[in-house]
Amino acid sequence: MNPAGFSYAGAPKCAGSDRKASDAAGRLAGRGGVRTAGFTLVELMIVISIMMLLMSFAAPTMSGILKGKKTDQAIAALTAVFENARMEAVVQNTYLWVGLMNKKSSGTPSTPSGQDEVWVMTFKGRTGEKRPTGDNRVIPAASLRRLEGVSILDLGSLPQLVAEKVSTQTNGTASFGDFIKAPPSSVSIAWVGNSETGSMEFNQLILFTPRGEALLENGLPDTLPKPVPYVAMGLGKTVDGAVGKADKDLAAILIGGFNGRVGVVRP
């Protein structure tokens, strides 16, 4: 006890000893004395397993969504083909043909995708021919396009709702050139093809003129086909050429006979 009557619990601490203790704790933490946040291998494997399980459930849904877009993709592709052919015919003051052909999955040869397909190709004359000649004077103007999972349909195959919208859009007065039901061209345009397709002949053709018209080609040698207000075709998903009873993913494509403009009608 000191003279003032107070007692000490121990000797007073030195500042130097505090610093030494702090340095020692820091070195201990640096050597792994304190565990940092992170994942173990087992935890990572559990997370990966859960993600793979969720993806397996989502795969059929995504597949259905992608299949449901077949008609949309085909509409976009055909619209681009028709518009490009019309524009090239006008700008270059020439004539171009767009040939379309349905190919069933069970056909010979079978389609490369194993599905129904529409094959589309654009042709032009070597020297501006305006009638199909059936020989090498008419040549490809673009590569073959293959539209998978769909077929060109006649207008009678479309649901009533689409037919009503077609009538409304055209004021109910226009006559139609149904692409599928129209007589094929008496003169085909041949293409040598490739290893997947083999040689082929297109006899269902739309002729685009320098005036921007879209005409159903008939193959007559001396005169151009007469224009109709609309060249029309249905389009939809098919299996071996048949539309599913419950399948409503159908559309109509209307090409103005006098101006070549493309319109689309959906349910």
Protein backbone atom coordinates (compact mmCIF):
# COMPACT_ATOMS: atom_id res chain seq x y z
CA MET A 1 0.00 0.00 0.00
CA ASN A 2 1.32 3.41 -0.90
CA PRO A 3 1.31 6.36 1.43
CA ALA A 4 -1.96 7.66 0.01
CA GLY A 5 -3.70 4.43 1.00
CA PHE A 6 -4.13 3.01 -2.50
CA SER A 7 -2.90 -0.40 -3.65
CA TYR A 8 -1.78 -1.46 -7.20
CA ALA A 9 -3.09 -4.62 -8.88
CA GLY A 10 0.19 -5.02 -10.65
CA ALA A 11 3.04 -3.18 -12.26
CA PRO A 12 2.10 -0.47 -14.77
CA LYS A 13 1.96 -1.60 -18.46
CA CYS A 14 4.59 -0.39 -20.85
CA ALA A 15 3.60 1.08 -24.27
CA GLY A 16 6.38 -0.91 -25.90
CA SER A 17 4.94 -4.19 -24.74
CA ASP A 18 1.53 -3.31 -26.31
CA ARG A 19 3.15 -2.72 -29.65
CA LYS A 20 4.95 -6.06 -29.48
CA ALA A 21 1.70 -7.88 -28.73
CA SER A 22 -0.03 -6.17 -31.65
CA ASP A 23 2.82 -7.07 -34.02
CA ALA A 24 2.66 -10.67 -32.90
CA ALA A 25 -1.09 -10.84 -33.55
CA GLY A 26 -0.57 -9.36 -37.01
CA ARG A 27 2.07 -11.96 -37.86
CA LEU A 28 -0.23 -14.71 -36.63
CA ALA A 29 -3.06 -13.49 -38.89
CA GLY A 30 -0.69 -13.26 -41.87
CA ARG A 31 0.31 -16.93 -41.36
CA GLY A 32 -3.35 -18.04 -41.51
CA GLY A 33 -4.23 -17.70 -37.92
CA VAL A 34 -7.49 -15.99 -38.95
CA ARG A 35 -9.70 -17.80 -41.63
CA THR A 36 -10.80 -15.51 -44.52
CA ALA A 37 -14.24 -15.78 -46.23
CA GLY A 38 -14.61 -18.15 -49.26
CA PHE A 39 -16.09 -21.42 -50.59
CA THR A 40 -14.82 -24.92 -50.05
CA LEU A 41 -14.66 -27.43 -52.89
CA VAL A 42 -17.68 -29.27 -51.51
CA GLU A 43 -19.74 -26.06 -51.43
CA LEU A 44 -18.81 -25.26 -55.03
CA MET A 45 -19.78 -28.76 -56.18
CA ILE A 46 -23.18 -28.42 -54.49
CA VAL A 47 -23.84 -25.07 -56.22
CA ILE A 48 -22.83 -26.47 -59.64
CA SER A 49 -25.08 -29.50 -59.14
CA ILE A 50 -28.07 -27.26 -58.33
CA MET A 51 -27.41 -25.08 -61.42
CA MET A 52 -27.23 -28.16 -63.68
CA LEU A 53 -30.51 -29.45 -62.26
CA LEU A 54 -32.26 -26.13 -62.91
CA MET A 55 -30.89 -26.00 -66.46
CA SER A 56 -32.24 -29.50 -67.16
CA PHE A 57 -35.72 -28.29 -66.20
CA ALA A 58 -35.42 -25.15 -68.34
CA ALA A 59 -34.13 -26.90 -71.49
CA PRO A 60 -37.51 -28.26 -72.74
CA THR A 61 -39.12 -24.86 -72.19
CA MET A 62 -36.41 -23.04 -74.13
CA SER A 63 -36.66 -25.61 -76.91
CA GLY A 64 -40.38 -24.96 -77.19
CA ILE A 65 -39.81 -21.21 -77.31
CA LEU A 66 -37.25 -21.55 -80.10
CA LYS A 67 -39.52 -23.86 -82.10
CA GLY A 68 -42.34 -21.35 -81.69
CA LYS A 69 -40.24 -18.76 -83.49
CA LYS A 70 -39.87 -20.84 -86.68
CA THR A 71 -42.69 -19.00 -88.43
CA ASP A 72 -41.40 -15.59 -87.33
CA GLN A 73 -37.92 -16.43 -88.63
CA ALA A 74 -39.33 -17.67 -91.95
CA ILE A 75 -41.47 -14.54 -92.35
CA ALA A 76 -38.45 -12.30 -91.78
CA ALA A 77 -36.32 -14.29 -94.25
CA LEU A 78 -38.96 -14.35 -97.00
CA THR A 79 -39.76 -10.67 -96.57
CA ALA A 80 -36.07 -9.84 -97.01
CA VAL A 81 -35.80 -12.04 -100.13
CA PHE A 82 -38.87 -10.49 -101.78
CA GLU A 83 -37.91 -6.91 -100.91
CA ASN A 84 -34.34 -7.40 -102.15
CA ALA A 85 -35.54 -8.91 -105.42
CA ARG A 86 -37.98 -6.05 -106.01
CA MET A 87 -35.33 -3.43 -105.23
CA GLU A 88 -32.69 -5.03 -107.45
CA ALA A 89 -35.13 -5.36 -110.35
CA VAL A 90 -36.05 -1.67 -110.12
CA VAL A 91 -32.54 -0.31 -109.54
CA GLN A 92 -30.86 -2.46 -112.21
CA ASN A 93 -33.79 -2.23 -114.65
CA THR A 94 -33.93 -5.99 -115.01
CA TYR A 95 -36.07 -9.03 -114.22
CA LEU A 96 -35.59 -11.38 -111.28
CA TRP A 97 -37.35 -14.59 -110.30
CA VAL A 98 -37.80 -15.91 -106.78
CA GLY A 99 -38.37 -19.66 -106.75
CA LEU A 100 -39.86 -21.42 -103.72
CA MET A 101 -40.08 -25.14 -103.09
CA ASN A 102 -41.56 -27.14 -100.21
CA LYS A 103 -39.42 -30.07 -99.08
CA LYS A 104 -40.91 -32.70 -96.76
CA SER A 105 -38.78 -34.30 -94.09
CA SER A 106 -39.66 -37.71 -95.55
CA GLY A 107 -38.81 -36.70 -99.12
CA THR A 108 -36.00 -37.97 -101.33
CA PRO A 109 -33.42 -36.77 -100.72
CA SER A 110 -34.26 -36.08 -97.10
CA THR A 111 -33.82 -32.53 -95.87
CA PRO A 112 -30.48 -31.72 -94.21
CA SER A 113 -32.24 -30.67 -90.98
CA GLY A 114 -34.57 -33.67 -90.80
CA GLN A 115 -37.52 -31.24 -90.71
CA ASP A 116 -39.87 -29.85 -93.33
CA GLU A 117 -38.14 -27.00 -95.14
CA VAL A 118 -38.84 -24.26 -97.67
CA TRP A 119 -36.06 -23.76 -100.21
CA VAL A 120 -35.82 -20.28 -101.69
CA MET A 121 -33.58 -19.03 -104.48
CA THR A 122 -33.37 -15.88 -106.60
CA PHE A 123 -32.45 -15.98 -110.30
CA LYS A 124 -31.74 -13.48 -113.06
CA GLY A 125 -30.92 -13.57 -116.76
CA ARG A 126 -27.33 -13.27 -117.92
CA THR A 127 -28.29 -10.48 -120.33
CA GLY A 128 -31.53 -9.17 -118.84
CA GLU A 129 -33.85 -11.93 -120.08
CA LYS A 130 -37.44 -11.36 -119.00
CA ARG A 131 -38.77 -14.84 -119.74
CA PRO A 132 -37.51 -18.10 -118.23
CA THR A 133 -35.57 -20.02 -120.85
CA GLY A 134 -34.90 -23.40 -119.28
CA ASP A 135 -31.20 -23.20 -120.11
CA ASN A 136 -28.06 -21.65 -118.65
CA ARG A 137 -29.04 -18.11 -119.64
CA VAL A 138 -30.90 -17.80 -116.30
CA ILE A 139 -28.51 -18.07 -113.38
CA PRO A 140 -28.64 -17.80 -109.55
CA ALA A 141 -28.57 -14.24 -108.26
CA ALA A 142 -28.24 -15.26 -104.59
CA SER A 143 -27.43 -18.31 -102.50
CA LEU A 144 -30.02 -20.94 -101.62
CA ARG A 145 -31.99 -20.15 -98.45
CA ARG A 146 -33.34 -23.04 -96.36
CA LEU A 147 -36.16 -22.23 -93.94
CA GLU A 148 -36.43 -25.06 -91.43
CA GLY A 149 -39.58 -26.42 -89.78
CA VAL A 150 -42.10 -24.63 -92.03
CA SER A 151 -43.95 -25.00 -95.34
CA ILE A 152 -45.64 -22.69 -97.82
CA LEU A 153 -49.41 -23.30 -97.53
CA ASP A 154 -52.47 -22.49 -99.59
CA LEU A 155 -54.76 -19.87 -98.12
CA GLY A 156 -57.44 -22.48 -97.40
CA SER A 157 -55.13 -24.05 -94.80
CA LEU A 158 -55.10 -20.91 -92.69
CA PRO A 159 -57.42 -20.37 -89.72
CA GLN A 160 -60.57 -18.33 -90.19
CA LEU A 161 -59.12 -15.52 -88.08
CA VAL A 162 -56.25 -15.05 -90.53
CA ALA A 163 -58.60 -15.22 -93.51
CA GLU A 164 -60.79 -12.53 -91.97
CA LYS A 165 -57.79 -10.27 -91.36
CA VAL A 166 -56.61 -10.77 -94.94
CA SER A 167 -60.06 -9.71 -96.17
CA THR A 168 -60.04 -6.68 -93.88
CA GLN A 169 -56.53 -5.61 -94.87
CA THR A 170 -57.39 -5.78 -98.57
CA ASN A 171 -60.83 -4.15 -98.19
CA GLY A 172 -62.45 -7.45 -99.14
CA THR A 173 -62.38 -6.60 -102.85
CA ALA A 174 -58.98 -7.75 -104.11
CA SER A 175 -58.52 -10.95 -106.04
CA PHE A 176 -55.64 -13.14 -105.03
CA GLY A 177 -53.06 -15.18 -106.80
CA ASP A 178 -52.72 -18.10 -104.39
CA PHE A 179 -49.08 -19.09 -104.84
CA ILE A 180 -49.60 -22.78 -104.02
CA LYS A 181 -52.81 -23.26 -106.04
CA ALA A 182 -51.66 -21.25 -109.04
CA PRO A 183 -50.57 -23.33 -112.08
CA PRO A 184 -46.80 -23.81 -112.05
CA SER A 185 -44.62 -22.21 -114.68
CA SER A 186 -44.52 -24.19 -117.91
CA VAL A 187 -40.77 -23.50 -118.00
CA SER A 188 -38.70 -24.42 -114.96
CA ILE A 189 -35.50 -22.78 -113.79
CA ALA A 190 -32.84 -25.36 -113.02
CA TRP A 191 -30.01 -25.24 -110.51
CA VAL A 192 -27.19 -27.77 -110.25
CA GLY A 193 -27.44 -27.80 -106.44
CA ASN A 194 -24.81 -29.05 -104.01
CA SER A 195 -23.89 -32.22 -102.12
CA GLU A 196 -26.74 -31.73 -99.62
CA THR A 197 -29.54 -30.75 -101.99
CA GLY A 198 -28.70 -32.35 -105.31
CA SER A 199 -29.88 -30.72 -108.54
CA MET A 200 -33.32 -29.13 -108.56
CA GLU A 201 -35.82 -27.33 -110.73
CA PHE A 202 -38.02 -24.45 -109.56
CA ASN A 203 -41.37 -24.18 -111.31
CA GLN A 204 -43.23 -22.13 -108.70
CA LEU A 205 -41.85 -18.67 -109.36
CA ILE A 206 -42.58 -15.01 -108.66
CA LEU A 207 -41.26 -12.59 -111.29
CA PHE A 208 -40.18 -9.10 -110.19
CA THR A 209 -40.10 -6.52 -113.00
CA PRO A 210 -38.27 -3.19 -113.45
CA ARG A 211 -41.54 -1.45 -112.60
CA GLY A 212 -41.62 -3.15 -109.20
CA GLU A 213 -44.42 -5.58 -110.07
CA ALA A 214 -44.65 -9.05 -108.55
CA LEU A 215 -46.13 -11.52 -111.04
CA LEU A 216 -47.00 -15.21 -110.80
CA GLU A 217 -44.77 -16.70 -113.48
CA ASN A 218 -46.59 -18.88 -116.04
CA GLY A 219 -43.69 -19.58 -118.39
CA LEU A 220 -45.36 -18.33 -121.57
CA PRO A 221 -42.55 -17.39 -123.96
CA ASP A 222 -43.79 -14.16 -125.53
CA THR A 223 -45.81 -12.21 -122.95
CA LEU A 224 -45.44 -11.32 -119.30
CA PRO A 225 -48.03 -12.66 -116.84
CA LYS A 226 -50.85 -10.28 -115.99
CA PRO A 227 -50.61 -8.77 -112.51
CA VAL A 228 -53.19 -9.50 -109.82
CA PRO A 229 -53.68 -7.20 -106.82
CA TYR A 230 -51.95 -9.62 -104.47
CA VAL A 231 -49.74 -12.68 -104.69
CA ALA A 232 -50.60 -14.51 -101.48
CA MET A 233 -49.21 -17.50 -99.63
CA GLY A 234 -49.74 -19.11 -96.25
CA LEU A 235 -46.84 -20.03 -94.01
CA GLY A 236 -46.69 -22.22 -90.94
CA LYS A 237 -45.03 -25.02 -89.02
CA THR A 238 -45.61 -28.45 -90.50
CA VAL A 239 -44.55 -32.04 -89.95
CA ASP A 240 -44.18 -34.04 -93.16
CA GLY A 241 -46.23 -31.40 -94.94
CA ALA A 242 -49.18 -31.45 -92.52
CA VAL A 243 -50.22 -28.67 -90.17
CA GLY A 244 -50.90 -29.81 -86.61
CA LYS A 245 -54.56 -29.56 -85.58
CA ALA A 246 -53.69 -27.50 -82.51
CA ASP A 247 -50.99 -25.44 -84.17
CA LYS A 248 -51.99 -21.79 -84.46
CA ASP A 249 -48.55 -20.47 -85.46
CA LEU A 250 -49.68 -19.63 -89.01
CA ALA A 251 -49.49 -16.49 -91.13
CA ALA A 252 -50.26 -15.09 -94.56
CA ILE A 253 -47.78 -13.18 -96.71
CA LEU A 254 -49.24 -10.72 -99.22
CA ILE A 255 -47.10 -9.30 -102.03
CA GLY A 256 -48.61 -6.38 -103.90
CA GLY A 257 -48.90 -7.37 -107.55
CA PHE A 258 -48.56 -3.81 -108.82
CA ASN A 259 -45.85 -2.53 -106.44
CA GLY A 260 -44.13 -5.63 -104.98
CA ARG A 261 -44.61 -4.44 -101.41
CA VAL A 262 -44.75 -7.18 -98.76
CA GLY A 263 -47.35 -7.38 -96.00
CA VAL A 264 -47.84 -10.00 -93.25
CA VAL A 265 -51.09 -11.07 -91.59
CA ARG A 266 -50.99 -12.93 -88.26
CA PRO A 267 -53.79 -14.23 -86.02
